[in-house]
Amino acid sequence: MTQMPFYVSPEQLMKDRADFARKGIARGRSVVVLSYDKGILFVAENHSRALHKISEIYDRIAFAAVGKYNEFENLRVAGIRYADLRGYSYDRSDVTARGLANAYAQTLGAVFTQDAKPFEVEIVVAEVGEDSDGDQIYRLTYDGSVADEHGFVVMGGTTEPIEQALRSRYTPHQSLGEALAMAVSALSADPSAGEAGESGSARLGPGQLEVAILDRGRPRRKFRRIVGPLLERLLNESDPIHDVPDTDDPVPGPHDTLSHDTVNHDSNHHDESNHHDTGEQGDVTQDSAGAGDSPRHESTNPQTQRPRTEGEVDGGESTQG
């Protein structure tokens, strides 16, 4: 007896896939992306210092995501390769958030309809313009749908209370400090956020946040992460600072990080000064020694990384027969 093939209607299949993806995304912590007077701000609740939800894609373009990390990390890397290839083949100005969003939409749509399971991700691709009217924010969902957002967008977790809090307070020309305070307050309104108490009003601290900006005032590469003392000062309502400095840190960190960590910079500068002083003393000692008494400097073969023997050249072979 031949068994009848198992049949599921396309409507039911797509509904099950959508429900599966939405549940996975809802388990993630929320991300807020919004425009402010000098650029675009990204704020995510993220307790990990190693795994990022917010990243740079290209000169004026950044990426934010919620959901399964391995899936949206693959999308991020693919976006960087797309942008690099297009910028190299044509011109850097030809790399746009709109083109990247269309590429992501095709990938997400194909995975949603053809693969065994859809991606449990939701992403935002944002591009900062010459002015606030030129800012572009695109939101892409698990099925490849694209939405052109204006002002702000919220992803992941429980979005309704966060969107309600932002809608009641958001204005398009806020300073960075005002926009950051509003975004953190809205994220703290999520009952599942951080260490919120029964009222859900506990404010998220710097150690629970991942913050970055696209700063339209910077040349070429607009993306900067905000961490350390600078983030603490921006979150401190009693501190007079309301924006990032016009110049980068004296010692740039990874991902063009802005920390304004003057303590560590002064310490590094002090160590360099001590090293410089020690070097000068060594030169004096060497100069004061008699001819032929200077210490011998041991050279190293760059290929084998072992001390070079007398008569040996870079190929590792001896010049002696």
C-alpha atoms as a PDB file:
ATOM      1  CA  MET A   1       0.000   0.000   0.000  1.00  0.00           C
ATOM      2  CA  THR A   2       1.423   3.324  -1.078  1.00  0.00           C
ATOM      3  CA  GLN A   3       1.508   5.983   1.617  1.00  0.00           C
ATOM      4  CA  MET A   4      -0.039   9.304   0.656  1.00  0.00           C
ATOM      5  CA  PRO A   5       2.425  12.227   0.678  1.00  0.00           C
ATOM      6  CA  PHE A   6       2.154  14.566   3.627  1.00  0.00           C
ATOM      7  CA  TYR A   7       0.556  17.870   2.611  1.00  0.00           C
ATOM      8  CA  VAL A   8       0.712  21.265   4.333  1.00  0.00           C
ATOM      9  CA  SER A   9      -0.947  24.290   2.788  1.00  0.00           C
ATOM     10  CA  PRO A  10       1.434  27.107   1.816  1.00  0.00           C
ATOM     11  CA  GLU A  11      -0.473  29.511   4.062  1.00  0.00           C
ATOM     12  CA  GLN A  12       0.012  27.298   7.114  1.00  0.00           C
ATOM     13  CA  LEU A  13       3.668  26.672   6.267  1.00  0.00           C
ATOM     14  CA  MET A  14       4.455  30.394   5.967  1.00  0.00           C
ATOM     15  CA  LYS A  15       2.530  31.146   9.156  1.00  0.00           C
ATOM     16  CA  ASP A  16       4.477  28.526  11.101  1.00  0.00           C
ATOM     17  CA  ARG A  17       7.770  29.878   9.773  1.00  0.00           C
ATOM     18  CA  ALA A  18       6.826  33.451  10.684  1.00  0.00           C
ATOM     19  CA  ASP A  19       5.737  32.463  14.201  1.00  0.00           C
ATOM     20  CA  PHE A  20       8.970  30.541  14.701  1.00  0.00           C
ATOM     21  CA  ALA A  21      11.114  33.505  13.619  1.00  0.00           C
ATOM     22  CA  ARG A  22       9.146  36.042  15.686  1.00  0.00           C
ATOM     23  CA  LYS A  23       9.515  33.971  18.850  1.00  0.00           C
ATOM     24  CA  GLY A  24      13.269  33.730  18.363  1.00  0.00           C
ATOM     25  CA  ILE A  25      13.604  37.487  17.792  1.00  0.00           C
ATOM     26  CA  ALA A  26      11.446  38.334  20.811  1.00  0.00           C
ATOM     27  CA  ARG A  27      13.870  36.467  23.076  1.00  0.00           C
ATOM     28  CA  GLY A  28      16.637  38.923  22.183  1.00  0.00           C
ATOM     29  CA  ARG A  29      17.353  42.150  24.064  1.00  0.00           C
ATOM     30  CA  SER A  30      16.149  45.320  22.401  1.00  0.00           C
ATOM     31  CA  VAL A  31      18.014  47.741  20.127  1.00  0.00           C
ATOM     32  CA  VAL A  32      17.091  51.378  19.451  1.00  0.00           C
ATOM     33  CA  VAL A  33      18.249  53.331  16.389  1.00  0.00           C
ATOM     34  CA  LEU A  34      17.350  57.016  16.108  1.00  0.00           C
ATOM     35  CA  SER A  35      18.407  60.215  14.386  1.00  0.00           C
ATOM     36  CA  TYR A  36      19.775  63.149  16.373  1.00  0.00           C
ATOM     37  CA  ASP A  37      21.008  66.585  15.326  1.00  0.00           C
ATOM     38  CA  LYS A  38      24.519  65.488  14.262  1.00  0.00           C
ATOM     39  CA  GLY A  39      23.980  61.936  13.075  1.00  0.00           C
ATOM     40  CA  ILE A  40      22.424  58.577  13.927  1.00  0.00           C
ATOM     41  CA  LEU A  41      22.580  56.943  17.363  1.00  0.00           C
ATOM     42  CA  PHE A  42      22.575  53.186  18.067  1.00  0.00           C
ATOM     43  CA  VAL A  43      21.817  51.932  21.579  1.00  0.00           C
ATOM     44  CA  ALA A  44      21.527  48.238  22.474  1.00  0.00           C
ATOM     45  CA  GLU A  45      21.126  46.386  25.723  1.00  0.00           C
ATOM     46  CA  ASN A  46      24.146  44.103  25.564  1.00  0.00           C
ATOM     47  CA  HIS A  47      25.912  42.575  28.570  1.00  0.00           C
ATOM     48  CA  SER A  48      28.701  41.062  26.442  1.00  0.00           C
ATOM     49  CA  ARG A  49      31.889  43.012  25.739  1.00  0.00           C
ATOM     50  CA  ALA A  50      33.011  40.602  22.998  1.00  0.00           C
ATOM     51  CA  LEU A  51      29.872  40.026  20.900  1.00  0.00           C
ATOM     52  CA  HIS A  52      28.541  43.142  19.178  1.00  0.00           C
ATOM     53  CA  LYS A  53      25.019  43.858  17.974  1.00  0.00           C
ATOM     54  CA  ILE A  54      26.145  47.126  16.348  1.00  0.00           C
ATOM     55  CA  SER A  55      28.895  47.314  13.732  1.00  0.00           C
ATOM     56  CA  GLU A  56      30.352  49.422  10.958  1.00  0.00           C
ATOM     57  CA  ILE A  57      29.693  48.306   7.382  1.00  0.00           C
ATOM     58  CA  TYR A  58      31.235  51.086   5.287  1.00  0.00           C
ATOM     59  CA  ASP A  59      32.149  54.763   5.396  1.00  0.00           C
ATOM     60  CA  ARG A  60      28.686  56.166   6.173  1.00  0.00           C
ATOM     61  CA  ILE A  61      26.807  52.917   6.847  1.00  0.00           C
ATOM     62  CA  ALA A  62      26.264  50.933  10.045  1.00  0.00           C
ATOM     63  CA  PHE A  63      24.435  47.746  10.968  1.00  0.00           C
ATOM     64  CA  ALA A  64      22.390  46.738  14.020  1.00  0.00           C
ATOM     65  CA  ALA A  65      20.674  43.425  14.681  1.00  0.00           C
ATOM     66  CA  VAL A  66      18.787  41.277  17.169  1.00  0.00           C
ATOM     67  CA  GLY A  67      18.164  37.541  17.202  1.00  0.00           C
ATOM     68  CA  LYS A  68      20.557  34.622  16.745  1.00  0.00           C
ATOM     69  CA  TYR A  69      24.114  35.909  16.826  1.00  0.00           C
ATOM     70  CA  ASN A  70      25.627  33.426  14.363  1.00  0.00           C
ATOM     71  CA  GLU A  71      22.948  34.234  11.776  1.00  0.00           C
ATOM     72  CA  PHE A  72      23.156  38.013  11.887  1.00  0.00           C
ATOM     73  CA  GLU A  73      26.965  37.841  12.105  1.00  0.00           C
ATOM     74  CA  ASN A  74      26.974  35.987   8.779  1.00  0.00           C
ATOM     75  CA  LEU A  75      24.767  38.726   7.336  1.00  0.00           C
ATOM     76  CA  ARG A  76      27.088  41.424   8.687  1.00  0.00           C
ATOM     77  CA  VAL A  77      30.163  39.847   7.109  1.00  0.00           C
ATOM     78  CA  ALA A  78      28.327  39.381   3.801  1.00  0.00           C
ATOM     79  CA  GLY A  79      27.320  43.054   3.900  1.00  0.00           C
ATOM     80  CA  ILE A  80      30.916  44.171   4.410  1.00  0.00           C
ATOM     81  CA  ARG A  81      32.057  42.048   1.467  1.00  0.00           C
ATOM     82  CA  TYR A  82      29.272  43.444  -0.718  1.00  0.00           C
ATOM     83  CA  ALA A  83      30.183  47.022   0.213  1.00  0.00           C
ATOM     84  CA  ASP A  84      33.931  46.512  -0.267  1.00  0.00           C
ATOM     85  CA  LEU A  85      33.469  44.874  -3.660  1.00  0.00           C
ATOM     86  CA  ARG A  86      31.087  47.541  -4.928  1.00  0.00           C
ATOM     87  CA  GLY A  87      33.238  50.382  -3.623  1.00  0.00           C
ATOM     88  CA  TYR A  88      36.332  48.883  -5.245  1.00  0.00           C
ATOM     89  CA  SER A  89      34.625  48.074  -8.568  1.00  0.00           C
ATOM     90  CA  TYR A  90      32.843  51.413  -8.973  1.00  0.00           C
ATOM     91  CA  ASP A  91      33.199  54.236  -6.457  1.00  0.00           C
ATOM     92  CA  ARG A  92      32.892  54.571  -2.691  1.00  0.00           C
ATOM     93  CA  SER A  93      29.894  56.869  -3.134  1.00  0.00           C
ATOM     94  CA  ASP A  94      28.069  54.054  -4.977  1.00  0.00           C
ATOM     95  CA  VAL A  95      27.845  52.040  -1.751  1.00  0.00           C
ATOM     96  CA  THR A  96      24.487  52.993  -0.212  1.00  0.00           C
ATOM     97  CA  ALA A  97      22.273  51.732   2.574  1.00  0.00           C
ATOM     98  CA  ARG A  98      19.459  51.273   0.074  1.00  0.00           C
ATOM     99  CA  GLY A  99      21.530  48.947  -2.111  1.00  0.00           C
ATOM    100  CA  LEU A 100      22.709  46.984   0.913  1.00  0.00           C
ATOM    101  CA  ALA A 101      19.146  46.706   2.244  1.00  0.00           C
ATOM    102  CA  ASN A 102      17.981  45.315  -1.114  1.00  0.00           C
ATOM    103  CA  ALA A 103      20.772  42.725  -1.056  1.00  0.00           C
ATOM    104  CA  TYR A 104      19.844  41.693   2.481  1.00  0.00           C
ATOM    105  CA  ALA A 105      16.157  41.502   1.519  1.00  0.00           C
ATOM    106  CA  GLN A 106      16.907  39.036  -1.273  1.00  0.00           C
ATOM    107  CA  THR A 107      18.960  36.829   1.041  1.00  0.00           C
ATOM    108  CA  LEU A 108      16.421  36.848   3.875  1.00  0.00           C
ATOM    109  CA  GLY A 109      13.510  36.250   1.492  1.00  0.00           C
ATOM    110  CA  ALA A 110      15.222  33.287  -0.156  1.00  0.00           C
ATOM    111  CA  VAL A 111      16.095  31.707   3.198  1.00  0.00           C
ATOM    112  CA  PHE A 112      12.550  32.225   4.503  1.00  0.00           C
ATOM    113  CA  THR A 113      10.878  30.445   1.574  1.00  0.00           C
ATOM    114  CA  GLN A 114      13.433  27.807   0.590  1.00  0.00           C
ATOM    115  CA  ASP A 115      15.538  26.721   3.577  1.00  0.00           C
ATOM    116  CA  ALA A 116      14.584  24.312   6.339  1.00  0.00           C
ATOM    117  CA  LYS A 117      14.087  27.194   8.773  1.00  0.00           C
ATOM    118  CA  PRO A 118      14.060  31.003   8.485  1.00  0.00           C
ATOM    119  CA  PHE A 119      16.673  33.285  10.007  1.00  0.00           C
ATOM    120  CA  GLU A 120      15.689  34.367  13.510  1.00  0.00           C
ATOM    121  CA  VAL A 121      16.971  37.891  12.962  1.00  0.00           C
ATOM    122  CA  GLU A 122      15.817  41.453  12.505  1.00  0.00           C
ATOM    123  CA  ILE A 123      18.290  44.039  11.249  1.00  0.00           C
ATOM    124  CA  VAL A 124      18.647  47.761  10.625  1.00  0.00           C
ATOM    125  CA  VAL A 125      20.887  49.289   7.973  1.00  0.00           C
ATOM    126  CA  ALA A 126      21.452  53.023   8.489  1.00  0.00           C
ATOM    127  CA  GLU A 127      23.299  55.639   6.446  1.00  0.00           C
ATOM    128  CA  VAL A 128      24.100  59.133   7.680  1.00  0.00           C
ATOM    129  CA  GLY A 129      23.574  61.959   5.192  1.00  0.00           C
ATOM    130  CA  GLU A 130      24.962  65.455   4.793  1.00  0.00           C
ATOM    131  CA  ASP A 131      22.050  66.683   6.930  1.00  0.00           C
ATOM    132  CA  SER A 132      19.234  65.099   8.919  1.00  0.00           C
ATOM    133  CA  ASP A 133      16.979  65.026   5.844  1.00  0.00           C
ATOM    134  CA  GLY A 134      19.537  62.809   4.114  1.00  0.00           C
ATOM    135  CA  ASP A 135      19.649  60.164   6.867  1.00  0.00           C
ATOM    136  CA  GLN A 136      18.363  56.743   5.824  1.00  0.00           C
ATOM    137  CA  ILE A 137      17.218  53.987   8.188  1.00  0.00           C
ATOM    138  CA  TYR A 138      15.997  50.667   6.765  1.00  0.00           C
ATOM    139  CA  ARG A 139      14.476  47.913   8.859  1.00  0.00           C
ATOM    140  CA  LEU A 140      14.512  44.339   7.535  1.00  0.00           C
ATOM    141  CA  THR A 141      12.562  41.473   9.031  1.00  0.00           C
ATOM    142  CA  TYR A 142      13.067  37.703   8.921  1.00  0.00           C
ATOM    143  CA  ASP A 143      11.069  37.287   5.671  1.00  0.00           C
ATOM    144  CA  GLY A 144      12.965  39.920   3.682  1.00  0.00           C
ATOM    145  CA  SER A 145      10.430  42.721   4.096  1.00  0.00           C
ATOM    146  CA  VAL A 146      11.995  46.203   4.000  1.00  0.00           C
ATOM    147  CA  ALA A 147      10.614  49.284   5.763  1.00  0.00           C
ATOM    148  CA  ASP A 148      11.972  52.811   5.355  1.00  0.00           C
ATOM    149  CA  GLU A 149      11.880  54.198   8.899  1.00  0.00           C
ATOM    150  CA  HIS A 150      11.915  57.860   9.894  1.00  0.00           C
ATOM    151  CA  GLY A 151      13.087  59.189  13.245  1.00  0.00           C
ATOM    152  CA  PHE A 152      13.588  56.007  15.234  1.00  0.00           C
ATOM    153  CA  VAL A 153      13.145  52.246  15.155  1.00  0.00           C
ATOM    154  CA  VAL A 154      13.005  49.581  17.891  1.00  0.00           C
ATOM    155  CA  MET A 155      13.837  45.890  17.437  1.00  0.00           C
ATOM    156  CA  GLY A 156      13.740  42.783  19.616  1.00  0.00           C
ATOM    157  CA  GLY A 157      12.395  42.090  23.079  1.00  0.00           C
ATOM    158  CA  THR A 158       9.127  43.770  24.009  1.00  0.00           C
ATOM    159  CA  THR A 159       8.981  46.664  21.564  1.00  0.00           C
ATOM    160  CA  GLU A 160       5.609  48.199  22.480  1.00  0.00           C
ATOM    161  CA  PRO A 161       6.569  49.961  25.753  1.00  0.00           C
ATOM    162  CA  ILE A 162       9.847  51.169  24.233  1.00  0.00           C
ATOM    163  CA  GLU A 163       8.148  52.581  21.134  1.00  0.00           C
ATOM    164  CA  GLN A 164       5.518  54.252  23.296  1.00  0.00           C
ATOM    165  CA  ALA A 165       8.183  55.885  25.472  1.00  0.00           C
ATOM    166  CA  LEU A 166      10.101  57.139  22.432  1.00  0.00           C
ATOM    167  CA  ARG A 167       7.017  58.376  20.623  1.00  0.00           C
ATOM    168  CA  SER A 168       6.055  60.597  23.548  1.00  0.00           C
ATOM    169  CA  ARG A 169       9.500  62.239  23.855  1.00  0.00           C
ATOM    170  CA  TYR A 170      11.303  62.048  20.510  1.00  0.00           C
ATOM    171  CA  THR A 171      12.173  65.176  18.523  1.00  0.00           C
ATOM    172  CA  PRO A 172      14.431  65.050  15.439  1.00  0.00           C
ATOM    173  CA  HIS A 173      16.917  67.743  16.500  1.00  0.00           C
ATOM    174  CA  GLN A 174      17.962  66.551  19.942  1.00  0.00           C
ATOM    175  CA  SER A 175      21.596  66.632  21.045  1.00  0.00           C
ATOM    176  CA  LEU A 176      23.475  63.362  21.460  1.00  0.00           C
ATOM    177  CA  GLY A 177      23.226  63.552  25.249  1.00  0.00           C
ATOM    178  CA  GLU A 178      19.463  64.111  25.125  1.00  0.00           C
ATOM    179  CA  ALA A 179      18.914  61.357  22.556  1.00  0.00           C
ATOM    180  CA  LEU A 180      21.047  58.891  24.521  1.00  0.00           C
ATOM    181  CA  ALA A 181      19.251  59.640  27.797  1.00  0.00           C
ATOM    182  CA  MET A 182      15.888  59.192  26.086  1.00  0.00           C
ATOM    183  CA  ALA A 183      16.920  55.909  24.432  1.00  0.00           C
ATOM    184  CA  VAL A 184      18.304  54.450  27.678  1.00  0.00           C
ATOM    185  CA  SER A 185      15.172  55.511  29.549  1.00  0.00           C
ATOM    186  CA  ALA A 186      12.995  53.859  26.893  1.00  0.00           C
ATOM    187  CA  LEU A 187      15.033  50.636  26.961  1.00  0.00           C
ATOM    188  CA  SER A 188      14.718  50.586  30.742  1.00  0.00           C
ATOM    189  CA  ALA A 189      10.941  50.715  30.311  1.00  0.00           C
ATOM    190  CA  ASP A 190      11.069  47.188  28.871  1.00  0.00           C
ATOM    191  CA  PRO A 191       9.989  44.865  31.738  1.00  0.00           C
ATOM    192  CA  SER A 192      12.641  42.332  30.682  1.00  0.00           C
ATOM    193  CA  ALA A 193      15.470  44.883  30.538  1.00  0.00           C
ATOM    194  CA  GLY A 194      18.588  44.385  32.639  1.00  0.00           C
ATOM    195  CA  GLU A 195      18.038  44.317  36.384  1.00  0.00           C
ATOM    196  CA  ALA A 196      14.732  46.128  36.357  1.00  0.00           C
ATOM    197  CA  GLY A 197      12.719  45.772  39.470  1.00  0.00           C
ATOM    198  CA  GLU A 198       9.037  45.088  39.830  1.00  0.00           C
ATOM    199  CA  SER A 199       8.185  48.490  38.394  1.00  0.00           C
ATOM    200  CA  GLY A 200      10.475  47.909  35.408  1.00  0.00           C
ATOM    201  CA  SER A 201      11.996  51.366  35.899  1.00  0.00           C
ATOM    202  CA  ALA A 202      15.586  50.477  36.885  1.00  0.00           C
ATOM    203  CA  ARG A 203      17.936  52.434  34.638  1.00  0.00           C
ATOM    204  CA  LEU A 204      20.428  50.501  32.521  1.00  0.00           C
ATOM    205  CA  GLY A 205      24.064  51.304  33.307  1.00  0.00           C
ATOM    206  CA  PRO A 206      27.115  51.682  31.031  1.00  0.00           C
ATOM    207  CA  GLY A 207      28.121  48.055  31.608  1.00  0.00           C
ATOM    208  CA  GLN A 208      24.799  46.866  30.186  1.00  0.00           C
ATOM    209  CA  LEU A 209      24.830  49.043  27.081  1.00  0.00           C
ATOM    210  CA  GLU A 210      26.427  49.016  23.656  1.00  0.00           C
ATOM    211  CA  VAL A 211      26.442  52.501  22.131  1.00  0.00           C
ATOM    212  CA  ALA A 212      27.686  53.772  18.774  1.00  0.00           C
ATOM    213  CA  ILE A 213      27.081  56.697  16.431  1.00  0.00           C
ATOM    214  CA  LEU A 214      27.334  57.702  12.802  1.00  0.00           C
ATOM    215  CA  ASP A 215      28.730  61.217  13.193  1.00  0.00           C
ATOM    216  CA  ARG A 216      28.095  63.309  10.087  1.00  0.00           C
ATOM    217  CA  GLY A 217      30.769  65.818  11.146  1.00  0.00           C
ATOM    218  CA  ARG A 218      33.662  63.354  10.809  1.00  0.00           C
ATOM    219  CA  PRO A 219      35.600  62.883   7.575  1.00  0.00           C
ATOM    220  CA  ARG A 220      35.000  59.732   5.542  1.00  0.00           C
ATOM    221  CA  ARG A 221      34.498  57.030   8.206  1.00  0.00           C
ATOM    222  CA  LYS A 222      31.580  58.197  10.337  1.00  0.00           C
ATOM    223  CA  PHE A 223      31.233  55.237  12.703  1.00  0.00           C
ATOM    224  CA  ARG A 224      32.426  55.531  16.298  1.00  0.00           C
ATOM    225  CA  ARG A 225      31.787  53.400  19.375  1.00  0.00           C
ATOM    226  CA  ILE A 226      31.240  55.202  22.673  1.00  0.00           C
ATOM    227  CA  VAL A 227      32.594  53.436  25.755  1.00  0.00           C
ATOM    228  CA  GLY A 228      34.276  53.995  29.094  1.00  0.00           C
ATOM    229  CA  PRO A 229      34.433  57.406  30.791  1.00  0.00           C
ATOM    230  CA  LEU A 230      32.879  59.188  27.797  1.00  0.00           C
ATOM    231  CA  LEU A 231      29.766  56.993  27.933  1.00  0.00           C
ATOM    232  CA  GLU A 232      29.525  57.453  31.699  1.00  0.00           C
ATOM    233  CA  ARG A 233      29.703  61.234  31.316  1.00  0.00           C
ATOM    234  CA  LEU A 234      27.057  61.269  28.590  1.00  0.00           C
ATOM    235  CA  LEU A 235      24.747  59.202  30.806  1.00  0.00           C
ATOM    236  CA  ASN A 236      25.351  61.460  33.815  1.00  0.00           C
ATOM    237  CA  GLU A 237      22.628  64.110  33.747  1.00  0.00           C
ATOM    238  CA  SER A 238      24.634  66.436  36.017  1.00  0.00           C
ATOM    239  CA  ASP A 239      27.666  66.401  33.690  1.00  0.00           C
ATOM    240  CA  PRO A 240      27.825  69.351  31.256  1.00  0.00           C
ATOM    241  CA  ILE A 241      29.037  67.225  28.320  1.00  0.00           C
ATOM    242  CA  HIS A 242      26.307  66.574  25.727  1.00  0.00           C
ATOM    243  CA  ASP A 243      28.296  65.443  22.697  1.00  0.00           C
ATOM    244  CA  VAL A 244      31.391  63.519  21.676  1.00  0.00           C
ATOM    245  CA  PRO A 245      34.683  65.398  21.172  1.00  0.00           C
ATOM    246  CA  ASP A 246      35.556  66.614  17.682  1.00  0.00           C
ATOM    247  CA  THR A 247      38.824  64.664  17.736  1.00  0.00           C
ATOM    248  CA  ASP A 248      39.474  60.963  18.254  1.00  0.00           C
ATOM    249  CA  ASP A 249      41.233  59.476  21.267  1.00  0.00           C
ATOM    250  CA  PRO A 250      45.014  60.105  21.289  1.00  0.00           C
ATOM    251  CA  VAL A 251      45.493  56.331  21.265  1.00  0.00           C
ATOM    252  CA  PRO A 252      42.720  54.893  19.020  1.00  0.00           C
ATOM    253  CA  GLY A 253      41.094  51.717  20.273  1.00  0.00           C
ATOM    254  CA  PRO A 254      39.516  48.894  18.294  1.00  0.00           C
ATOM    255  CA  HIS A 255      36.652  49.810  15.961  1.00  0.00           C
ATOM    256  CA  ASP A 256      37.507  53.528  16.244  1.00  0.00           C
ATOM    257  CA  THR A 257      36.329  53.606  19.829  1.00  0.00           C
ATOM    258  CA  LEU A 258      35.805  56.893  21.644  1.00  0.00           C
ATOM    259  CA  SER A 259      36.410  56.545  25.386  1.00  0.00           C
ATOM    260  CA  HIS A 260      37.973  59.890  26.411  1.00  0.00           C
ATOM    261  CA  ASP A 261      40.013  57.824  28.888  1.00  0.00           C
ATOM    262  CA  THR A 262      42.549  60.470  29.896  1.00  0.00           C
ATOM    263  CA  VAL A 263      43.805  58.403  32.851  1.00  0.00           C
ATOM    264  CA  ASN A 264      45.024  55.507  30.715  1.00  0.00           C
ATOM    265  CA  HIS A 265      46.381  57.910  28.114  1.00  0.00           C
ATOM    266  CA  ASP A 266      48.421  59.770  30.732  1.00  0.00           C
ATOM    267  CA  SER A 267      49.700  56.426  32.055  1.00  0.00           C
ATOM    268  CA  ASN A 268      50.738  55.303  28.578  1.00  0.00           C
ATOM    269  CA  HIS A 269      52.426  58.643  27.956  1.00  0.00           C
ATOM    270  CA  HIS A 270      54.293  58.302  31.279  1.00  0.00           C
ATOM    271  CA  ASP A 271      55.461  54.790  30.356  1.00  0.00           C
ATOM    272  CA  GLU A 272      56.691  56.033  26.985  1.00  0.00           C
ATOM    273  CA  SER A 273      58.576  58.876  28.681  1.00  0.00           C
ATOM    274  CA  ASN A 274      60.266  56.433  31.064  1.00  0.00           C
ATOM    275  CA  HIS A 275      61.175  54.179  28.159  1.00  0.00           C
ATOM    276  CA  HIS A 276      62.609  57.166  26.280  1.00  0.00           C
ATOM    277  CA  ASP A 277      64.640  58.227  29.302  1.00  0.00           C
ATOM    278  CA  THR A 278      65.993  54.702  29.735  1.00  0.00           C
ATOM    279  CA  GLY A 279      67.032  54.640  26.108  1.00  0.00           C
ATOM    280  CA  GLU A 280      68.922  57.900  26.481  1.00  0.00           C
ATOM    281  CA  GLN A 281      70.763  56.553  29.532  1.00  0.00           C
ATOM    282  CA  GLY A 282      71.726  53.456  27.573  1.00  0.00           C
ATOM    283  CA  ASP A 283      73.154  55.631  24.791  1.00  0.00           C
ATOM    284  CA  VAL A 284      75.240  57.576  27.309  1.00  0.00           C
ATOM    285  CA  THR A 285      76.583  54.350  28.809  1.00  0.00           C
ATOM    286  CA  GLN A 286      77.468  53.006  25.406  1.00  0.00           C
ATOM    287  CA  ASP A 287      79.173  56.247  24.357  1.00  0.00           C
ATOM    288  CA  SER A 288      81.217  56.315  27.564  1.00  0.00           C
ATOM    289  CA  ALA A 289      82.603  52.825  26.958  1.00  0.00           C
ATOM    290  CA  GLY A 290      85.954  52.383  25.360  1.00  0.00           C
ATOM    291  CA  ALA A 291      86.418  51.473  21.716  1.00  0.00           C
ATOM    292  CA  GLY A 292      85.603  47.810  21.159  1.00  0.00           C
ATOM    293  CA  ASP A 293      83.915  47.559  24.571  1.00  0.00           C
ATOM    294  CA  SER A 294      80.336  48.307  23.392  1.00  0.00           C
ATOM    295  CA  PRO A 295      77.882  45.434  23.997  1.00  0.00           C
ATOM    296  CA  ARG A 296      77.324  43.047  21.136  1.00  0.00           C
ATOM    297  CA  HIS A 297      73.804  43.196  19.585  1.00  0.00           C
ATOM    298  CA  GLU A 298      72.555  39.761  18.677  1.00  0.00           C
ATOM    299  CA  SER A 299      70.821  39.726  15.287  1.00  0.00           C
ATOM    300  CA  THR A 300      67.947  37.421  14.411  1.00  0.00           C
ATOM    301  CA  ASN A 301      67.174  35.564  11.207  1.00  0.00           C
ATOM    302  CA  PRO A 302      63.676  36.858  10.201  1.00  0.00           C
ATOM    303  CA  GLN A 303      62.703  33.556   8.573  1.00  0.00           C
ATOM    304  CA  THR A 304      63.650  31.151  11.356  1.00  0.00           C
ATOM    305  CA  GLN A 305      63.225  33.537  14.305  1.00  0.00           C
ATOM    306  CA  ARG A 306      66.396  32.173  15.898  1.00  0.00           C
ATOM    307  CA  PRO A 307      69.663  33.957  16.651  1.00  0.00           C
ATOM    308  CA  ARG A 308      71.733  34.406  13.515  1.00  0.00           C
ATOM    309  CA  THR A 309      75.060  32.556  13.598  1.00  0.00           C
ATOM    310  CA  GLU A 310      78.244  34.096  12.353  1.00  0.00           C
ATOM    311  CA  GLY A 311      78.447  34.039   8.568  1.00  0.00           C
ATOM    312  CA  GLU A 312      74.733  33.199   8.075  1.00  0.00           C
ATOM    313  CA  VAL A 313      72.495  35.112   5.632  1.00  0.00           C
ATOM    314  CA  ASP A 314      68.682  35.432   5.504  1.00  0.00           C
ATOM    315  CA  GLY A 315      68.128  32.227   3.579  1.00  0.00           C
ATOM    316  CA  GLY A 316      69.254  30.225   6.629  1.00  0.00           C
ATOM    317  CA  GLU A 317      72.357  28.971   4.784  1.00  0.00           C
ATOM    318  CA  SER A 318      75.893  29.670   5.924  1.00  0.00           C
ATOM    319  CA  THR A 319      78.297  31.604   3.737  1.00  0.00           C
ATOM    320  CA  GLN A 320      81.061  29.278   4.860  1.00  0.00           C
ATOM    321  CA  GLY A 321      81.806  26.256   2.733  1.00  0.00           C
END
